[in-house]
Every structure is written in structure tokens, then in C-alpha cells.
Amino acid sequence: MKGFFASVAREFKLIFRNGISAFMVASPAILAFVFILIFGAVNAQELQLAVDSTVSAAQEEKLLRIADVERFDDTSALEARVRETDTVAGVVMEDGAVRVLVEGNEGESFQQVTGAIVGLTLGTTGELMPYQSEIVAAKGTMAYTVTMISMLLMSLFIGGATVGLSIVDEREGGAIRAVTVSPMRLSGYVATKLFPALLLGLFGVAAAGFIIGKAALVPQYLLLAVCSVLVSGMMTFAIGAFANNQIAAIGVLKLLVPIGMMLPVSAMFVPQQWQFFYYIIPIYWQYRALSAILSESSALGTCC
């Protein structure tokens, strides 16, 4: 066991000694920041509210003192605005009480504070006006869904791809020959590669989940990363087998990563009755698990 952990420590030294590998370790976080820049951050810096026709002009004027307010003609249009990727709360008046509509991924504190502020603002006596917080289920656009799943799939790939580059380093430097004549068994060598790939996959998917505001789903992402360790291993040893140097490894990555991304994501555009053609593709099940997690259905059976 001591030799195993020594090999794992050496693996990480190889990874962080290589600039390309170090960049790949950080790439899930970078991709998550890019995702936020494109689709909007989950948490807004200024309170934003949407109101419908049930809110009077006088009440809207009060709300304008504390927030940016958008007015919509009906509640359905207001709910569609709440479902968008930025953080906007909807305000509807019903029987003299305030109904606050939120998407549900902002956190309990956001719901409570927003409801309390809106209730105090619209109250006529300075006391807290009764309010009710209601979660409006998010329905992201196709581009939003495809981009999020692709980013999370990439986060799962990164661990295996990064360790694959270290195998290429060993081949290029001749260290792989020393491994072949050492007492280490093949199973031990495979384990010393899969374990770092797993750790990097856990780090990557957790970082991406926290940055995009899906912290509540991170435990499920981590479970998926654990269940996907053999898929990451396929990426690891495919790069190590087909590349003799770093330049060749980049070429292999340019081939494997687009294929690995396009195959599962293409299933989104295929009717359900024809998706059995994808069943032999391991990465397809990662896509299915991510879809189940994002739709808040049970993904345990899908990913494991």
C-alpha cells in the first residue's frame, strides 16, 4: 500500500510539472466561468424583480426603490422570465398577499430575504406583509441544456485525459521500460493511473458544479464521477496507447474529445425509441445520468 501511494504521489508530480496537464486540471473551472459569462451568473449583484398586472402602478413604484423591475402582461410571461438563467424573482398579488416566484436554485436564504424585503416594501403600515415563496421549475433552453451537459461531460473527461498525458511522458522519457521490469503487477499499474484520474474527475466536476451555482447537485455529480472511473480509464489508456509524444497526444485528444462529446449529446436529438443504438457507448450513460440529475429525477440506477 505504501508503494501504491508513492506511485500516486509521483503521478501528481508528473502532472503538475507539465504545463499542459496543469492547465487541463484547471480547465473545468475555466469552462464553468465561461458558461457563466455566456448564460449569466446564477447570483445577481442587484435585486431584480418581475411583476404582472396584479401589481398596481403604485406598488410597482414602491418596488422600484429597492430593485430593478420588469412588468409583464400576464403571469405566464412572468414565470417564463423567472425561469431564465439570471436571478429574477417574480412578484404577484393575490387576495392582498404577496406571492414571490423563484426558480429554486438560488438558495433558501435568497427566497426568504427577497420575500421579506418585498413584503416590507409593499406593506402600508411598515409591518411585514404576508408573503408566500413558490418555486417555479426551471426549463432551460436547448442551448443552455446542451452546453451545461457538455461542460460537465468535459469535466469528467479531464481526469482521464490528464493522466493519459503522464503515460505519454513516461513513454517519451523511457520510464515505462522501468515499470515493465519492476515487481509491480499490471493491475497495480492500472490502479495507480485510475486513482489519480478519479481524484481529478471528482475535483473537476465539483469545481464546475459549485461555480455554476449547482452546489446542491454536487454530491450526485461526485457519485457519477466515481461510477465513471472506468470510462475515464478508457480515455487514459487510449491516449497512452496511441501517442508516443506530447504532440501526438494533443492530436489524439483532438480526436477523442470531440467524438466523446458529440456521440452522447447527439442522443438529445434522436427519438427515444431509437436510442438503443447508443446503449453500447459508455459515455452515453454518463449523458443519461447528467440529464437525470439536472431534471432532478433519480440518477442512481442510471450512472451505476
Foldseek 3Di string as FASTA:
>chain_A
DVVLVVLLVVLVVLQVVDPVSVVLLCVLLVLLVVLCVVQNAAEDPAAAEEEEPQQDPVLVVLVVVRGHYHYDHDVVVRLLVQLGRYWYWYWHDDPQAIEIEHQPLNDPVVQVVVQQVSQQSNDPPSDGGHYHYDHRHHDYDPVSLLSVLLSLLSLLLSLLLSSLQSLLVCLQVVVVVVVVPDPDDPVSVLVSSLVSSLVSSLSSNCSSCVSRRNNVLSVLSNVLSVLCSVVSSVNNVVLSVQDNHDVRSVVVCVVPSVVLSCLLSVVVVPDPVPCVVCVVPLSVLVSVLVVCSSSVHDSVVSRD
